[in-house]
Structure formats: C-alpha cells, structure tokens
Amino acid sequence: MAKQTNIRLNEEIKAAAEDRAKRRGLSLQGYVADLIEADVNQSRAAFMAGAASFLAAYTDVFDAEVGEDRYPGLPDQPAKTAPRDAA
C-alpha cells in the first residue's frame, strides 16, 4: 500500500517539475515518485555491485578462513534411520 508524503518546493522548482512531468505524461506526484524510485534503485544497484566486487576480490581469503563447510558442527552425511516396520 502506498503512503502519502508531503514535500515543500519553492514556486520556481515546482513549476519546472510540473513542466517536466507534463512532458513525460505524468502528474507531478508520479514524476516525483519516479525520481525517488530511480534514485533508490540506483543506490541499491551501486551497493550490490560494490558488494559483489568486494566478495570477488576476497573469495580466496573467505575460503581460507571459512572453508566450504557452510554448516559447521553438522555431520557430512544425513543421519541414517531404522526402516519402519511394514504394517
């Protein structure tokens, strides 16, 4: 569910924003929402790219420190259970 947010703009900025929104076939509300969403998505994409780059650069270090055992303390093989009696 979308939430309403109020913003204050000076008259010159509001007029310019309304003009840009109109040229894109959007309401001022839709234009502002699109700008915010694009900024959030760009920030998220930049963070994920940075994280992927960091992990790729230090994969050998992580493997040496942690190894491939993702669940330490658990047995390598599943526990064997006794067969059930046929009813």
Protein backbone atom coordinates (compact mmCIF):
# COMPACT_ATOMS: atom_id res chain seq x y z
CA MET A 1 0.00 0.00 0.00
CA ALA A 2 1.36 3.39 -0.97
CA LYS A 3 1.80 6.06 1.69
CA GLN A 4 1.28 9.76 1.19
CA THR A 5 4.20 12.13 1.72
CA ASN A 6 4.12 15.91 1.58
CA ILE A 7 7.02 17.96 0.28
CA ARG A 8 7.64 21.69 0.06
CA LEU A 9 9.01 23.21 -3.12
CA ASN A 10 9.59 26.85 -3.97
CA GLU A 11 7.38 28.11 -6.80
CA GLU A 12 10.15 28.11 -9.42
CA ILE A 13 11.16 24.49 -8.75
CA LYS A 14 7.54 23.37 -8.59
CA ALA A 15 6.78 24.99 -11.95
CA ALA A 16 9.85 23.37 -13.54
CA ALA A 17 8.93 19.99 -12.07
CA GLU A 18 5.34 20.29 -13.32
CA ASP A 19 6.64 21.15 -16.79
CA ARG A 20 8.95 18.10 -16.83
CA ALA A 21 6.18 15.88 -15.51
CA LYS A 22 3.83 17.13 -18.24
CA ARG A 23 6.44 16.43 -20.95
CA ARG A 24 6.69 12.86 -19.64
CA GLY A 25 2.93 12.44 -19.48
CA LEU A 26 2.97 12.22 -15.69
CA SER A 27 1.38 14.03 -12.82
CA LEU A 28 3.70 15.93 -10.50
CA GLN A 29 3.14 13.17 -7.95
CA GLY A 30 4.05 10.46 -10.46
CA TYR A 31 7.12 12.39 -11.60
CA VAL A 32 8.42 12.84 -8.05
CA ALA A 33 7.69 9.20 -7.19
CA ASP A 34 9.58 8.06 -10.31
CA LEU A 35 12.59 10.24 -9.40
CA ILE A 36 12.73 8.86 -5.87
CA GLU A 37 12.34 5.26 -7.06
CA ALA A 38 15.09 5.70 -9.66
CA ASP A 39 17.43 7.15 -7.03
CA VAL A 40 16.71 4.34 -4.57
CA ASN A 41 17.19 1.68 -7.24
CA GLN A 42 20.44 3.29 -8.43
CA SER A 43 21.77 3.33 -4.86
CA ARG A 44 20.75 -0.30 -4.37
CA ALA A 45 22.40 -1.32 -7.64
CA ALA A 46 25.60 0.54 -6.73
CA PHE A 47 25.70 -1.15 -3.32
CA MET A 48 25.12 -4.62 -4.79
CA ALA A 49 27.82 -4.05 -7.43
CA GLY A 50 30.25 -2.93 -4.75
CA ALA A 51 29.41 -5.92 -2.55
CA ALA A 52 29.85 -8.33 -5.47
CA SER A 53 33.20 -6.74 -6.34
CA PHE A 54 34.35 -6.96 -2.71
CA LEU A 55 33.33 -10.61 -2.43
CA ALA A 56 35.03 -11.47 -5.71
CA ALA A 57 38.24 -9.76 -4.63
CA TYR A 58 38.35 -11.59 -1.30
CA THR A 59 36.93 -15.01 -2.23
CA ASP A 60 40.26 -16.75 -1.57
CA VAL A 61 40.55 -15.11 1.84
CA PHE A 62 37.00 -16.12 2.81
CA ASP A 63 37.51 -19.68 1.58
CA ALA A 64 40.76 -19.97 3.55
CA GLU A 65 39.14 -18.61 6.70
CA VAL A 66 35.71 -20.22 6.49
CA GLY A 67 36.20 -23.03 4.02
CA GLU A 68 33.39 -24.77 2.25
CA ASP A 69 31.74 -26.09 5.42
CA ARG A 70 28.73 -23.83 5.49
CA TYR A 71 27.19 -25.63 8.47
CA PRO A 72 29.99 -26.39 10.94
CA GLY A 73 29.15 -28.99 13.54
CA LEU A 74 26.68 -30.84 11.37
CA PRO A 75 27.61 -34.29 10.08
CA ASP A 76 28.68 -34.60 6.45
CA GLN A 77 26.08 -37.30 5.80
CA PRO A 78 22.43 -37.31 6.81
CA ALA A 79 21.64 -39.44 9.84
CA LYS A 80 20.57 -42.97 8.99
CA THR A 81 17.22 -44.03 10.36
CA ALA A 82 15.96 -47.51 11.03
CA PRO A 83 13.44 -48.80 8.46
CA ARG A 84 9.82 -48.70 9.55
CA ASP A 85 8.01 -51.93 10.22
CA ALA A 86 5.62 -52.85 7.44
CA ALA A 87 2.04 -52.61 8.68
